[in-house]
Amino acid sequence: MYKTSDTALAAYLITANYQINTIDYSQQRFQFVFPDDNGIASAANLYLTSQAKVDPSTYNRIYRRLTRTIHRQLQWGEE
């Protein structure tokens, strides 16, 4: 499994066609969990070294969807 708590990185990986398994809310910092697909670590490295190339509008749409999902879950958990 590949895990990250970086929402922007998770949005990039999804935009780069990596499927997310789940979001783990059990830790203080939630984590996006991806299967350990071939190349996911390399793709993450491209993002972390500012070499990633994706469609900006697709990235923005996915990033916004992830942040809405997190906020909804955190609100639900507080009630």
PDB file of N, CA and C in Angstrom:
ATOM      1  N   MET A   1       0.817  -1.181   0.000  1.00  0.00           N
ATOM      2  CA  MET A   1       0.000   0.000   0.000  1.00  0.00           C
ATOM      3  C   MET A   1       0.868   1.254   0.000  1.00  0.00           C
ATOM      4  N   TYR A   2       0.383   2.269  -0.644  1.00  0.00           N
ATOM      5  CA  TYR A   2       1.032   3.580  -0.631  1.00  0.00           C
ATOM      6  C   TYR A   2       0.093   4.522   0.109  1.00  0.00           C
ATOM      7  N   LYS A   3       0.596   5.209   1.131  1.00  0.00           N
ATOM      8  CA  LYS A   3      -0.219   6.112   1.934  1.00  0.00           C
ATOM      9  C   LYS A   3       0.383   7.503   1.934  1.00  0.00           C
ATOM     10  N   THR A   4      -0.500   8.498   1.944  1.00  0.00           N
ATOM     11  CA  THR A   4      -0.060   9.879   2.075  1.00  0.00           C
ATOM     12  C   THR A   4      -1.143  10.677   2.796  1.00  0.00           C
ATOM     13  N   SER A   5      -0.724  11.656   3.577  1.00  0.00           N
ATOM     14  CA  SER A   5      -1.668  12.568   4.205  1.00  0.00           C
ATOM     15  C   SER A   5      -1.719  13.898   3.440  1.00  0.00           C
ATOM     16  N   ASP A   6      -1.007  13.975   2.344  1.00  0.00           N
ATOM     17  CA  ASP A   6      -0.948  15.167   1.505  1.00  0.00           C
ATOM     18  C   ASP A   6      -2.093  15.136   0.491  1.00  0.00           C
ATOM     19  N   THR A   7      -3.085  15.989   0.707  1.00  0.00           N
ATOM     20  CA  THR A   7      -4.262  16.017  -0.160  1.00  0.00           C
ATOM     21  C   THR A   7      -3.894  16.371  -1.593  1.00  0.00           C
ATOM     22  N   ALA A   8      -2.990  17.309  -1.772  1.00  0.00           N
ATOM     23  CA  ALA A   8      -2.584  17.707  -3.125  1.00  0.00           C
ATOM     24  C   ALA A   8      -1.900  16.550  -3.850  1.00  0.00           C
ATOM     25  N   LEU A   9      -1.055  15.806  -3.152  1.00  0.00           N
ATOM     26  CA  LEU A   9      -0.400  14.647  -3.755  1.00  0.00           C
ATOM     27  C   LEU A   9      -1.430  13.578  -4.107  1.00  0.00           C
ATOM     28  N   ALA A  10      -2.367  13.333  -3.222  1.00  0.00           N
ATOM     29  CA  ALA A  10      -3.418  12.348  -3.502  1.00  0.00           C
ATOM     30  C   ALA A  10      -4.219  12.749  -4.737  1.00  0.00           C
ATOM     31  N   ALA A  11      -4.542  14.033  -4.850  1.00  0.00           N
ATOM     32  CA  ALA A  11      -5.276  14.509  -6.029  1.00  0.00           C
ATOM     33  C   ALA A  11      -4.452  14.296  -7.297  1.00  0.00           C
ATOM     34  N   TYR A  12      -3.157  14.564  -7.212  1.00  0.00           N
ATOM     35  CA  TYR A  12      -2.297  14.320  -8.370  1.00  0.00           C
ATOM     36  C   TYR A  12      -2.288  12.842  -8.758  1.00  0.00           C
ATOM     37  N   LEU A  13      -2.126  11.952  -7.777  1.00  0.00           N
ATOM     38  CA  LEU A  13      -2.081  10.518  -8.081  1.00  0.00           C
ATOM     39  C   LEU A  13      -3.381  10.046  -8.727  1.00  0.00           C
ATOM     40  N   ILE A  14      -4.509  10.538  -8.234  1.00  0.00           N
ATOM     41  CA  ILE A  14      -5.794  10.173  -8.842  1.00  0.00           C
ATOM     42  C   ILE A  14      -5.866  10.715 -10.264  1.00  0.00           C
ATOM     43  N   THR A  15      -5.423  11.958 -10.446  1.00  0.00           N
ATOM     44  CA  THR A  15      -5.415  12.560 -11.781  1.00  0.00           C
ATOM     45  C   THR A  15      -4.511  11.767 -12.728  1.00  0.00           C
ATOM     46  N   ALA A  16      -3.440  11.180 -12.184  1.00  0.00           N
ATOM     47  CA  ALA A  16      -2.503  10.386 -12.982  1.00  0.00           C
ATOM     48  C   ALA A  16      -2.968   8.934 -13.124  1.00  0.00           C
ATOM     49  N   ASN A  17      -4.241   8.683 -12.836  1.00  0.00           N
ATOM     50  CA  ASN A  17      -4.901   7.384 -13.045  1.00  0.00           C
ATOM     51  C   ASN A  17      -4.543   6.296 -12.042  1.00  0.00           C
ATOM     52  N   TYR A  18      -4.157   6.681 -10.833  1.00  0.00           N
ATOM     53  CA  TYR A  18      -3.993   5.701  -9.763  1.00  0.00           C
ATOM     54  C   TYR A  18      -5.276   5.693  -8.951  1.00  0.00           C
ATOM     55  N   GLN A  19      -5.786   4.510  -8.674  1.00  0.00           N
ATOM     56  CA  GLN A  19      -7.049   4.369  -7.957  1.00  0.00           C
ATOM     57  C   GLN A  19      -6.823   4.424  -6.454  1.00  0.00           C
ATOM     58  N   ILE A  20      -7.625   5.219  -5.772  1.00  0.00           N
ATOM     59  CA  ILE A  20      -7.544   5.294  -4.320  1.00  0.00           C
ATOM     60  C   ILE A  20      -8.369   4.153  -3.727  1.00  0.00           C
ATOM     61  N   ASN A  21      -7.838   3.496  -2.698  1.00  0.00           N
ATOM     62  CA  ASN A  21      -8.584   2.431  -2.014  1.00  0.00           C
ATOM     63  C   ASN A  21      -9.554   3.009  -1.007  1.00  0.00           C
ATOM     64  N   THR A  22      -9.027   3.882  -0.145  1.00  0.00           N
ATOM     65  CA  THR A  22      -9.836   4.427   0.936  1.00  0.00           C
ATOM     66  C   THR A  22      -9.139   5.632   1.547  1.00  0.00           C
ATOM     67  N   ILE A  23      -9.846   6.299   2.426  1.00  0.00           N
ATOM     68  CA  ILE A  23      -9.249   7.348   3.246  1.00  0.00           C
ATOM     69  C   ILE A  23      -9.315   6.841   4.681  1.00  0.00           C
ATOM     70  N   ASP A  24      -8.164   6.758   5.315  1.00  0.00           N
ATOM     71  CA  ASP A  24      -8.071   6.245   6.681  1.00  0.00           C
ATOM     72  C   ASP A  24      -8.176   7.422   7.649  1.00  0.00           C
ATOM     73  N   TYR A  25      -9.287   7.473   8.384  1.00  0.00           N
ATOM     74  CA  TYR A  25      -9.515   8.559   9.341  1.00  0.00           C
ATOM     75  C   TYR A  25      -9.121   8.159  10.763  1.00  0.00           C
ATOM     76  N   SER A  26      -8.502   7.007  10.944  1.00  0.00           N
ATOM     77  CA  SER A  26      -8.205   6.515  12.291  1.00  0.00           C
ATOM     78  C   SER A  26      -7.022   7.232  12.950  1.00  0.00           C
ATOM     79  N   GLN A  27      -6.201   7.891  12.178  1.00  0.00           N
ATOM     80  CA  GLN A  27      -5.064   8.638  12.708  1.00  0.00           C
ATOM     81  C   GLN A  27      -5.449  10.109  12.878  1.00  0.00           C
ATOM     82  N   GLN A  28      -4.667  10.850  13.646  1.00  0.00           N
ATOM     83  CA  GLN A  28      -4.936  12.277  13.816  1.00  0.00           C
ATOM     84  C   GLN A  28      -4.891  12.990  12.461  1.00  0.00           C
ATOM     85  N   ARG A  29      -3.902  12.610  11.658  1.00  0.00           N
ATOM     86  CA  ARG A  29      -3.861  13.102  10.270  1.00  0.00           C
ATOM     87  C   ARG A  29      -4.372  11.975   9.379  1.00  0.00           C
ATOM     88  N   PHE A  30      -5.487  12.202   8.750  1.00  0.00           N
ATOM     89  CA  PHE A  30      -6.053  11.182   7.871  1.00  0.00           C
ATOM     90  C   PHE A  30      -5.055  10.837   6.782  1.00  0.00           C
ATOM     91  N   GLN A  31      -5.203   9.643   6.207  1.00  0.00           N
ATOM     92  CA  GLN A  31      -4.296   9.210   5.145  1.00  0.00           C
ATOM     93  C   GLN A  31      -5.089   8.668   3.969  1.00  0.00           C
ATOM     94  N   PHE A  32      -4.650   9.039   2.781  1.00  0.00           N
ATOM     95  CA  PHE A  32      -5.189   8.487   1.549  1.00  0.00           C
ATOM     96  C   PHE A  32      -4.422   7.201   1.266  1.00  0.00           C
ATOM     97  N   VAL A  33      -5.146   6.124   1.031  1.00  0.00           N
ATOM     98  CA  VAL A  33      -4.522   4.817   0.855  1.00  0.00           C
ATOM     99  C   VAL A  33      -4.715   4.364  -0.592  1.00  0.00           C
ATOM    100  N   PHE A  34      -3.612   4.056  -1.242  1.00  0.00           N
ATOM    101  CA  PHE A  34      -3.596   3.582  -2.616  1.00  0.00           C
ATOM    102  C   PHE A  34      -3.011   2.175  -2.655  1.00  0.00           C
ATOM    103  N   PRO A  35      -3.437   1.344  -3.613  1.00  0.00           N
ATOM    104  CA  PRO A  35      -2.741   0.066  -3.776  1.00  0.00           C
ATOM    105  C   PRO A  35      -1.304   0.331  -4.208  1.00  0.00           C
ATOM    106  N   ASP A  36      -0.418  -0.573  -3.935  1.00  0.00           N
ATOM    107  CA  ASP A  36       0.989  -0.397  -4.288  1.00  0.00           C
ATOM    108  C   ASP A  36       1.189  -0.781  -5.755  1.00  0.00           C
ATOM    109  N   ASP A  37       0.571  -0.003  -6.635  1.00  0.00           N
ATOM    110  CA  ASP A  37       0.675  -0.255  -8.077  1.00  0.00           C
ATOM    111  C   ASP A  37       2.084   0.035  -8.563  1.00  0.00           C
ATOM    112  N   ASN A  38       2.434  -0.620  -9.640  1.00  0.00           N
ATOM    113  CA  ASN A  38       3.730  -0.327 -10.258  1.00  0.00           C
ATOM    114  C   ASN A  38       3.791   1.136 -10.639  1.00  0.00           C
ATOM    115  N   GLY A  39       4.817   1.775 -10.193  1.00  0.00           N
ATOM    116  CA  GLY A  39       5.039   3.148 -10.605  1.00  0.00           C
ATOM    117  C   GLY A  39       4.455   4.215  -9.706  1.00  0.00           C
ATOM    118  N   ILE A  40       3.688   3.866  -8.696  1.00  0.00           N
ATOM    119  CA  ILE A  40       3.069   4.912  -7.873  1.00  0.00           C
ATOM    120  C   ILE A  40       4.119   5.707  -7.104  1.00  0.00           C
ATOM    121  N   ALA A  41       5.157   5.058  -6.613  1.00  0.00           N
ATOM    122  CA  ALA A  41       6.214   5.776  -5.899  1.00  0.00           C
ATOM    123  C   ALA A  41       6.952   6.714  -6.858  1.00  0.00           C
ATOM    124  N   SER A  42       7.161   6.265  -8.082  1.00  0.00           N
ATOM    125  CA  SER A  42       7.807   7.128  -9.088  1.00  0.00           C
ATOM    126  C   SER A  42       6.921   8.310  -9.441  1.00  0.00           C
ATOM    127  N   ALA A  43       5.618   8.051  -9.568  1.00  0.00           N
ATOM    128  CA  ALA A  43       4.680   9.134  -9.860  1.00  0.00           C
ATOM    129  C   ALA A  43       4.659  10.144  -8.713  1.00  0.00           C
ATOM    130  N   ALA A  44       4.661   9.661  -7.482  1.00  0.00           N
ATOM    131  CA  ALA A  44       4.693  10.556  -6.322  1.00  0.00           C
ATOM    132  C   ALA A  44       5.977  11.375  -6.326  1.00  0.00           C
ATOM    133  N   ASN A  45       7.076  10.754  -6.689  1.00  0.00           N
ATOM    134  CA  ASN A  45       8.352  11.463  -6.754  1.00  0.00           C
ATOM    135  C   ASN A  45       8.320  12.567  -7.812  1.00  0.00           C
ATOM    136  N   LEU A  46       7.669  12.317  -8.940  1.00  0.00           N
ATOM    137  CA  LEU A  46       7.530  13.365  -9.955  1.00  0.00           C
ATOM    138  C   LEU A  46       6.801  14.572  -9.381  1.00  0.00           C
ATOM    139  N   TYR A  47       5.757  14.311  -8.612  1.00  0.00           N
ATOM    140  CA  TYR A  47       5.004  15.399  -7.985  1.00  0.00           C
ATOM    141  C   TYR A  47       5.885  16.141  -6.977  1.00  0.00           C
ATOM    142  N   LEU A  48       6.557  15.388  -6.132  1.00  0.00           N
ATOM    143  CA  LEU A  48       7.352  15.991  -5.057  1.00  0.00           C
ATOM    144  C   LEU A  48       8.563  16.766  -5.569  1.00  0.00           C
ATOM    145  N   THR A  49       9.018  16.452  -6.778  1.00  0.00           N
ATOM    146  CA  THR A  49      10.154  17.166  -7.368  1.00  0.00           C
ATOM    147  C   THR A  49       9.708  18.170  -8.437  1.00  0.00           C
ATOM    148  N   SER A  50       8.431  18.488  -8.452  1.00  0.00           N
ATOM    149  CA  SER A  50       7.848  19.491  -9.369  1.00  0.00           C
ATOM    150  C   SER A  50       8.032  19.149 -10.836  1.00  0.00           C
ATOM    151  N   GLN A  51       8.012  17.862 -11.172  1.00  0.00           N
ATOM    152  CA  GLN A  51       8.142  17.435 -12.559  1.00  0.00           C
ATOM    153  C   GLN A  51       6.844  16.835 -13.095  1.00  0.00           C
ATOM    154  N   ALA A  52       5.803  16.794 -12.281  1.00  0.00           N
ATOM    155  CA  ALA A  52       4.533  16.172 -12.672  1.00  0.00           C
ATOM    156  C   ALA A  52       3.810  17.029 -13.707  1.00  0.00           C
ATOM    157  N   LYS A  53       3.168  16.347 -14.619  1.00  0.00           N
ATOM    158  CA  LYS A  53       2.392  17.041 -15.642  1.00  0.00           C
ATOM    159  C   LYS A  53       1.021  16.375 -15.737  1.00  0.00           C
ATOM    160  N   VAL A  54      -0.013  17.150 -15.411  1.00  0.00           N
ATOM    161  CA  VAL A  54      -1.396  16.681 -15.529  1.00  0.00           C
ATOM    162  C   VAL A  54      -2.260  17.839 -16.003  1.00  0.00           C
ATOM    163  N   ASP A  55      -3.454  17.519 -16.425  1.00  0.00           N
ATOM    164  CA  ASP A  55      -4.409  18.545 -16.833  1.00  0.00           C
ATOM    165  C   ASP A  55      -4.836  19.345 -15.603  1.00  0.00           C
ATOM    166  N   PRO A  56      -4.614  20.652 -15.588  1.00  0.00           N
ATOM    167  CA  PRO A  56      -4.908  21.438 -14.397  1.00  0.00           C
ATOM    168  C   PRO A  56      -6.388  21.458 -14.008  1.00  0.00           C
ATOM    169  N   SER A  57      -7.291  21.482 -14.973  1.00  0.00           N
ATOM    170  CA  SER A  57      -8.712  21.513 -14.616  1.00  0.00           C
ATOM    171  C   SER A  57      -9.154  20.179 -14.012  1.00  0.00           C
ATOM    172  N   THR A  58      -8.627  19.075 -14.503  1.00  0.00           N
ATOM    173  CA  THR A  58      -8.943  17.768 -13.918  1.00  0.00           C
ATOM    174  C   THR A  58      -8.373  17.683 -12.509  1.00  0.00           C
ATOM    175  N   TYR A  59      -7.136  18.116 -12.341  1.00  0.00           N
ATOM    176  CA  TYR A  59      -6.512  18.122 -11.023  1.00  0.00           C
ATOM    177  C   TYR A  59      -7.332  18.956 -10.044  1.00  0.00           C
ATOM    178  N   ASN A  60      -7.732  20.143 -10.439  1.00  0.00           N
ATOM    179  CA  ASN A  60      -8.500  21.034  -9.573  1.00  0.00           C
ATOM    180  C   ASN A  60      -9.834  20.392  -9.174  1.00  0.00           C
ATOM    181  N   ARG A  61     -10.511  19.773 -10.132  1.00  0.00           N
ATOM    182  CA  ARG A  61     -11.797  19.123  -9.843  1.00  0.00           C
ATOM    183  C   ARG A  61     -11.611  17.999  -8.834  1.00  0.00           C
ATOM    184  N   ILE A  62     -10.590  17.187  -8.999  1.00  0.00           N
ATOM    185  CA  ILE A  62     -10.340  16.074  -8.081  1.00  0.00           C
ATOM    186  C   ILE A  62      -9.908  16.592  -6.717  1.00  0.00           C
ATOM    187  N   TYR A  63      -9.061  17.602  -6.679  1.00  0.00           N
ATOM    188  CA  TYR A  63      -8.616  18.179  -5.407  1.00  0.00           C
ATOM    189  C   TYR A  63      -9.815  18.704  -4.617  1.00  0.00           C
ATOM    190  N   ARG A  64     -10.681  19.434  -5.277  1.00  0.00           N
ATOM    191  CA  ARG A  64     -11.870  19.980  -4.607  1.00  0.00           C
ATOM    192  C   ARG A  64     -12.785  18.865  -4.112  1.00  0.00           C
ATOM    193  N   ARG A  65     -12.936  17.798  -4.892  1.00  0.00           N
ATOM    194  CA  ARG A  65     -13.766  16.671  -4.471  1.00  0.00           C
ATOM    195  C   ARG A  65     -13.174  15.998  -3.229  1.00  0.00           C
ATOM    196  N   LEU A  66     -11.861  15.811  -3.202  1.00  0.00           N
ATOM    197  CA  LEU A  66     -11.216  15.204  -2.033  1.00  0.00           C
ATOM    198  C   LEU A  66     -11.393  16.068  -0.786  1.00  0.00           C
ATOM    199  N   THR A  67     -11.194  17.366  -0.908  1.00  0.00           N
ATOM    200  CA  THR A  67     -11.330  18.231   0.267  1.00  0.00           C
ATOM    201  C   THR A  67     -12.771  18.257   0.769  1.00  0.00           C
ATOM    202  N   ARG A  68     -13.751  18.247  -0.131  1.00  0.00           N
ATOM    203  CA  ARG A  68     -15.161  18.169   0.301  1.00  0.00           C
ATOM    204  C   ARG A  68     -15.434  16.865   1.031  1.00  0.00           C
ATOM    205  N   THR A  69     -14.895  15.762   0.521  1.00  0.00           N
ATOM    206  CA  THR A  69     -15.087  14.461   1.152  1.00  0.00           C
ATOM    207  C   THR A  69     -14.509  14.455   2.556  1.00  0.00           C
ATOM    208  N   ILE A  70     -13.327  15.002   2.709  1.00  0.00           N
ATOM    209  CA  ILE A  70     -12.680  15.048   4.026  1.00  0.00           C
ATOM    210  C   ILE A  70     -13.493  15.905   4.994  1.00  0.00           C
ATOM    211  N   HIS A  71     -13.908  17.073   4.556  1.00  0.00           N
ATOM    212  CA  HIS A  71     -14.667  17.970   5.429  1.00  0.00           C
ATOM    213  C   HIS A  71     -15.987  17.333   5.856  1.00  0.00           C
ATOM    214  N   ARG A  72     -16.660  16.666   4.933  1.00  0.00           N
ATOM    215  CA  ARG A  72     -17.919  15.988   5.290  1.00  0.00           C
ATOM    216  C   ARG A  72     -17.680  14.901   6.337  1.00  0.00           C
ATOM    217  N   GLN A  73     -16.642  14.113   6.147  1.00  0.00           N
ATOM    218  CA  GLN A  73     -16.348  13.037   7.088  1.00  0.00           C
ATOM    219  C   GLN A  73     -15.973  13.590   8.458  1.00  0.00           C
ATOM    220  N   LEU A  74     -15.188  14.652   8.476  1.00  0.00           N
ATOM    221  CA  LEU A  74     -14.780  15.236   9.750  1.00  0.00           C
ATOM    222  C   LEU A  74     -15.982  15.852  10.476  1.00  0.00           C
ATOM    223  N   GLN A  75     -16.890  16.478   9.751  1.00  0.00           N
ATOM    224  CA  GLN A  75     -18.101  17.009  10.358  1.00  0.00           C
ATOM    225  C   GLN A  75     -18.969  15.889  10.899  1.00  0.00           C
ATOM    226  N   TRP A  76     -19.108  14.813  10.137  1.00  0.00           N
ATOM    227  CA  TRP A  76     -19.916  13.679  10.550  1.00  0.00           C
ATOM    228  C   TRP A  76     -19.350  13.055  11.815  1.00  0.00           C
ATOM    229  N   GLY A  77     -18.046  12.941  11.884  1.00  0.00           N
ATOM    230  CA  GLY A  77     -17.386  12.331  13.035  1.00  0.00           C
ATOM    231  C   GLY A  77     -17.501  13.151  14.296  1.00  0.00           C
ATOM    232  N   GLU A  78     -17.691  14.466  14.167  1.00  0.00           N
ATOM    233  CA  GLU A  78     -17.783  15.340  15.340  1.00  0.00           C
ATOM    234  C   GLU A  78     -19.174  15.334  15.952  1.00  0.00           C
ATOM    235  N   GLU A  79     -20.179  14.971  15.210  1.00  0.00           N
ATOM    236  CA  GLU A  79     -21.554  15.007  15.733  1.00  0.00           C
ATOM    237  C   GLU A  79     -21.852  13.806  16.595  1.00  0.00           C
TER     238      GLU A  79
END
